[in-house]
Protein backbone atom coordinates (compact mmCIF):
# COMPACT_ATOMS: atom_id res chain seq x y z
CA UNK A 1 125.97 93.29 90.45
CA UNK A 2 125.76 96.54 88.49
CA UNK A 3 122.36 98.26 88.43
CA UNK A 4 122.54 101.44 86.35
CA UNK A 5 120.54 104.40 87.60
CA UNK A 6 120.29 108.16 87.37
CA UNK A 7 119.92 110.45 90.35
CA UNK A 8 118.27 113.85 90.66
CA UNK A 9 117.68 116.30 93.48
CA UNK A 10 114.42 118.19 92.94
CA UNK A 11 113.90 121.81 93.91
CA UNK A 12 111.83 120.72 96.90
CA UNK A 13 114.77 118.65 98.20
CA UNK A 14 113.42 115.22 97.22
CA UNK A 15 116.16 112.74 96.32
CA UNK A 16 115.11 110.74 93.22
CA UNK A 17 116.75 107.57 91.87
CA UNK A 18 115.56 106.08 88.58
CA UNK A 19 116.40 102.69 87.06
CA UNK A 20 114.92 101.75 83.70
CA UNK A 21 114.38 98.05 82.86
CA UNK A 22 111.78 97.31 80.18
CA UNK A 23 111.99 93.51 80.29
CA UNK A 24 108.74 93.30 82.27
CA UNK A 25 105.79 95.77 82.20
CA UNK A 26 105.88 96.62 85.90
CA UNK A 27 107.38 99.46 87.94
CA UNK A 28 108.44 99.52 91.59
CA UNK A 29 108.00 102.76 93.53
CA UNK A 30 109.65 103.10 96.92
CA UNK A 31 109.55 106.19 99.15
CA UNK A 32 111.91 106.24 102.11
CA UNK A 33 111.46 108.83 104.83
CA UNK A 34 114.63 109.22 106.86
CA UNK A 35 112.91 108.80 110.20
CA UNK A 36 112.53 105.77 112.42
CA UNK A 37 112.30 104.83 116.05
CA UNK A 38 115.76 106.33 116.66
CA UNK A 39 114.15 109.76 116.23
CA UNK A 40 111.82 109.15 119.17
CA UNK A 41 112.63 109.76 122.83
CA UNK A 42 111.89 107.91 126.06
CA UNK A 43 108.23 108.34 126.96
CA UNK A 44 107.33 109.00 123.32
CA UNK A 45 108.20 105.68 121.65
CA UNK A 46 106.26 103.91 118.90
CA UNK A 47 105.41 107.10 116.97
CA UNK A 48 107.28 106.21 113.77
CA UNK A 49 105.50 102.88 113.44
CA UNK A 50 102.12 104.36 114.42
CA UNK A 51 102.56 106.95 111.71
CA UNK A 52 103.25 104.25 109.14
CA UNK A 53 99.73 102.98 109.82
CA UNK A 54 98.19 106.44 109.57
CA UNK A 55 99.77 107.00 106.14
CA UNK A 56 97.37 104.40 104.68
CA UNK A 57 94.22 106.08 106.00
CA UNK A 58 93.67 108.68 103.27
CA UNK A 59 94.83 112.19 102.44
CA UNK A 60 93.18 115.48 101.53
CA UNK A 61 92.38 114.71 97.88
CA UNK A 62 91.66 111.01 98.37
CA UNK A 63 90.19 110.67 101.82
CA UNK A 64 89.75 106.90 101.76
CA UNK A 65 91.92 103.87 102.34
CA UNK A 66 95.14 103.91 100.34
CA UNK A 67 95.00 100.26 99.25
CA UNK A 68 91.84 100.01 97.15
CA UNK A 69 92.61 102.13 94.05
CA UNK A 70 96.09 100.68 93.68
CA UNK A 71 95.04 97.08 94.24
CA UNK A 72 92.23 97.61 91.73
CA UNK A 73 94.95 98.59 89.23
CA UNK A 74 96.86 95.37 89.96
CA UNK A 75 99.39 96.69 92.46
CA UNK A 76 101.13 95.14 95.43
CA UNK A 77 101.89 97.62 98.21
CA UNK A 78 102.84 97.97 101.84
CA UNK A 79 105.13 99.83 104.21
CA UNK A 80 107.63 99.11 106.99
CA UNK A 81 109.43 100.85 109.81
CA UNK A 82 112.73 100.20 111.52
CA UNK A 83 115.08 102.18 113.75
CA UNK A 84 116.46 104.30 110.92
CA UNK A 85 113.76 104.78 108.27
CA UNK A 86 110.13 104.35 107.27
CA UNK A 87 109.33 103.22 103.74
CA UNK A 88 106.25 102.87 101.55
CA UNK A 89 106.31 100.83 98.36
CA UNK A 90 104.16 99.83 95.42
CA UNK A 91 104.78 97.45 92.53
CA UNK A 92 102.37 98.46 89.79
CA UNK A 93 101.69 97.70 86.13
CA UNK A 94 103.55 100.34 84.16
CA UNK A 95 100.28 101.96 83.04
CA UNK A 96 99.39 102.59 86.71
CA UNK A 97 102.62 104.38 87.60
CA UNK A 98 101.07 107.84 87.43
CA UNK A 99 98.34 106.75 89.85
CA UNK A 100 100.93 105.47 92.34
CA UNK A 101 102.98 108.64 92.06
CA UNK A 102 99.97 110.90 92.53
CA UNK A 103 98.84 109.05 95.64
CA UNK A 104 102.31 109.10 97.16
CA UNK A 105 102.50 112.83 96.45
CA UNK A 106 99.15 113.54 98.06
CA UNK A 107 99.94 111.78 101.31
CA UNK A 108 103.41 113.34 101.42
CA UNK A 109 102.02 116.84 101.22
CA UNK A 110 98.40 116.68 102.32
CA UNK A 111 97.90 113.98 104.94
CA UNK A 112 97.06 116.22 107.89
CA UNK A 113 93.82 117.77 106.53
CA UNK A 114 92.37 114.25 106.36
CA UNK A 115 93.69 113.05 109.73
CA UNK A 116 90.79 112.79 112.19
CA UNK A 117 90.47 111.69 115.80
CA UNK A 118 88.55 108.61 114.66
CA UNK A 119 91.33 107.51 112.28
CA UNK A 120 93.99 108.17 114.89
CA UNK A 121 92.25 106.28 117.68
CA UNK A 122 91.45 103.35 115.38
CA UNK A 123 95.05 102.94 114.24
CA UNK A 124 96.41 103.41 117.75
CA UNK A 125 94.23 100.47 118.82
CA UNK A 126 95.43 98.47 115.80
CA UNK A 127 99.07 99.05 116.79
CA UNK A 128 98.39 98.08 120.41
CA UNK A 129 96.74 94.86 119.20
CA UNK A 130 99.69 94.20 116.88
CA UNK A 131 101.99 94.58 119.87
CA UNK A 132 99.96 92.02 121.82
CA UNK A 133 99.97 89.54 118.94
CA UNK A 134 103.58 89.90 117.83
CA UNK A 135 105.31 90.48 121.16
CA UNK A 136 103.33 90.13 124.38
CA UNK A 137 101.40 86.93 123.57
CA UNK A 138 104.08 85.16 121.52
CA UNK A 139 106.62 82.80 123.09
CA UNK A 140 109.89 84.72 123.55
CA UNK A 141 108.19 87.71 121.93
CA UNK A 142 109.67 90.08 124.50
CA UNK A 143 113.20 88.69 124.09
CA UNK A 144 114.14 91.29 121.47
CA UNK A 145 113.09 94.10 123.80
CA UNK A 146 115.18 92.65 126.61
CA UNK A 147 118.20 92.30 124.34
CA UNK A 148 118.21 95.89 123.00
CA UNK A 149 117.49 97.22 126.49
CA UNK A 150 120.56 95.36 127.77
CA UNK A 151 122.77 96.35 124.83
CA UNK A 152 122.04 100.08 124.80
CA UNK A 153 121.71 102.59 127.68
CA UNK A 154 118.26 104.10 128.36
CA UNK A 155 118.99 107.36 126.55
CA UNK A 156 120.35 105.62 123.41
CA UNK A 157 118.00 105.74 120.38
CA UNK A 158 118.31 101.97 119.88
CA UNK A 159 117.28 101.17 123.47
CA UNK A 160 113.69 100.38 122.41
CA UNK A 161 112.13 98.43 119.55
CA UNK A 162 110.18 100.08 116.74
CA UNK A 163 106.85 98.87 118.11
CA UNK A 164 107.38 101.12 121.16
CA UNK A 165 106.13 100.82 124.71
CA UNK A 166 102.42 100.10 125.22
CA UNK A 167 102.06 102.92 127.74
CA UNK A 168 103.66 105.40 125.31
CA UNK A 169 101.35 104.37 122.47
CA UNK A 170 98.30 104.60 124.76
CA UNK A 171 99.38 108.06 125.91
CA UNK A 172 99.89 109.38 122.36
CA UNK A 173 97.58 112.17 121.23
CA UNK A 174 96.64 113.33 117.75
CA UNK A 175 98.57 116.59 118.15
CA UNK A 176 101.71 114.53 118.87
CA UNK A 177 101.48 112.73 115.54
CA UNK A 178 100.65 115.94 113.69
CA UNK A 179 103.87 117.43 115.02
CA UNK A 180 105.73 114.26 114.03
CA UNK A 181 104.47 114.61 110.46
CA UNK A 182 105.39 118.30 110.23
CA UNK A 183 108.88 117.57 111.50
CA UNK A 184 109.88 114.53 109.43
CA UNK A 185 107.50 113.99 106.49
CA UNK A 186 109.05 116.50 104.10
CA UNK A 187 110.36 116.06 100.54
CA UNK A 188 113.80 117.15 101.73
CA UNK A 189 113.80 114.30 104.27
CA UNK A 190 112.79 111.61 101.75
CA UNK A 191 114.23 109.52 98.95
CA UNK A 192 112.18 108.17 96.03
CA UNK A 193 113.22 105.26 93.84
CA UNK A 194 111.43 104.35 90.60
CA UNK A 195 112.59 101.14 88.94
CA UNK A 196 111.19 99.19 86.02
CA UNK A 197 109.37 99.69 82.75
CA UNK A 198 109.62 103.47 82.48
CA UNK A 199 111.76 105.93 80.56
CA UNK A 200 113.96 108.07 82.84
CA UNK A 201 112.53 111.36 81.51
CA UNK A 202 108.98 110.19 82.14
CA UNK A 203 109.88 108.96 85.62
CA UNK A 204 111.43 112.33 86.43
CA UNK A 205 108.32 114.14 85.16
CA UNK A 206 106.14 112.03 87.43
CA UNK A 207 108.51 112.55 90.37
CA UNK A 208 107.91 116.26 90.03
CA UNK A 209 104.28 115.62 91.04
CA UNK A 210 105.70 115.58 94.58
CA UNK A 211 104.71 118.57 96.74
CA UNK A 212 106.58 121.85 96.39
CA UNK A 213 109.24 122.73 98.90
CA UNK A 214 107.89 122.58 102.44
CA UNK A 215 109.91 124.27 105.16
CA UNK A 216 111.35 122.12 107.90
CA UNK A 217 110.22 122.78 111.45
CA UNK A 218 113.56 124.45 112.16
CA UNK A 219 113.21 126.71 109.09
CA UNK A 220 109.66 127.63 110.04
CA UNK A 221 110.77 128.42 113.59
CA UNK A 222 113.59 130.66 112.35
CA UNK A 223 111.26 132.45 109.92
CA UNK A 224 108.70 133.02 112.67
CA UNK A 225 111.41 134.32 115.00
CA UNK A 226 112.73 136.68 112.31
CA UNK A 227 109.21 137.94 111.66
CA UNK A 228 108.66 138.63 115.37
CA UNK A 229 112.01 140.42 115.59
CA UNK A 230 111.15 142.54 112.57
CA UNK A 231 107.78 143.50 114.05
CA UNK A 232 109.42 144.35 117.38
CA UNK A 233 112.02 146.46 115.56
CA UNK A 234 109.34 148.37 113.70
CA UNK A 235 107.51 148.93 116.97
CA UNK A 236 110.60 150.33 118.68
CA UNK A 237 111.31 152.58 115.70
CA UNK A 238 107.73 153.89 115.77
CA UNK A 239 107.97 154.62 119.51
CA UNK A 240 111.26 156.45 119.06
CA UNK A 241 109.74 158.46 116.21
CA UNK A 242 106.78 159.36 118.36
CA UNK A 243 109.02 160.72 121.15
CA UNK A 244 110.80 163.18 118.85
């Protein structure tokens, strides 16, 4: 199968793939963040999946549930998490593409101002209940956990399932998930695909709605360290000048 597409790398680091097919007046939008349960560590499992839930709870410029405005426009949408990635997708009528792109952009760049303790605690309870329903209270539901635990050593990133350990989820705090967002939910750590009834130039224009370049945690740490070093250097120079 040959599916033609064009690829762009935006200034903010976002990887964009566009496929135009005007046979049906719908467009599929799919945002993949390159983070999954493999990026967690023992004692802090289940964060990637918990954060998938939080991404539907509203962002700074639309602080309400993510589903309603898109479903009102005729969209299907959801998200999923596995060991290697977390994705969020919408299939929308082509005249609702700009709405979908704007909402994806807002939660990519501005989720944290709208993240409250109430939202966090509610979704943590939802995830714990999902774990009970899908794993703990289902026949052989814990078999998958036993298999990966036997296949991979305890310090291997595939040693646990995406749902995480109940005690780790219960112990999670809102500051933990804020740090998770700052570390992994960046344009430079994401890929965006737009496929369907849209011209490539228009799709690229809408992709540029995505937030401007946001520094990674490592970049921010280096910049902060450089700033401290510069201030210390100026202080030493001032002291030496004062002694002359």
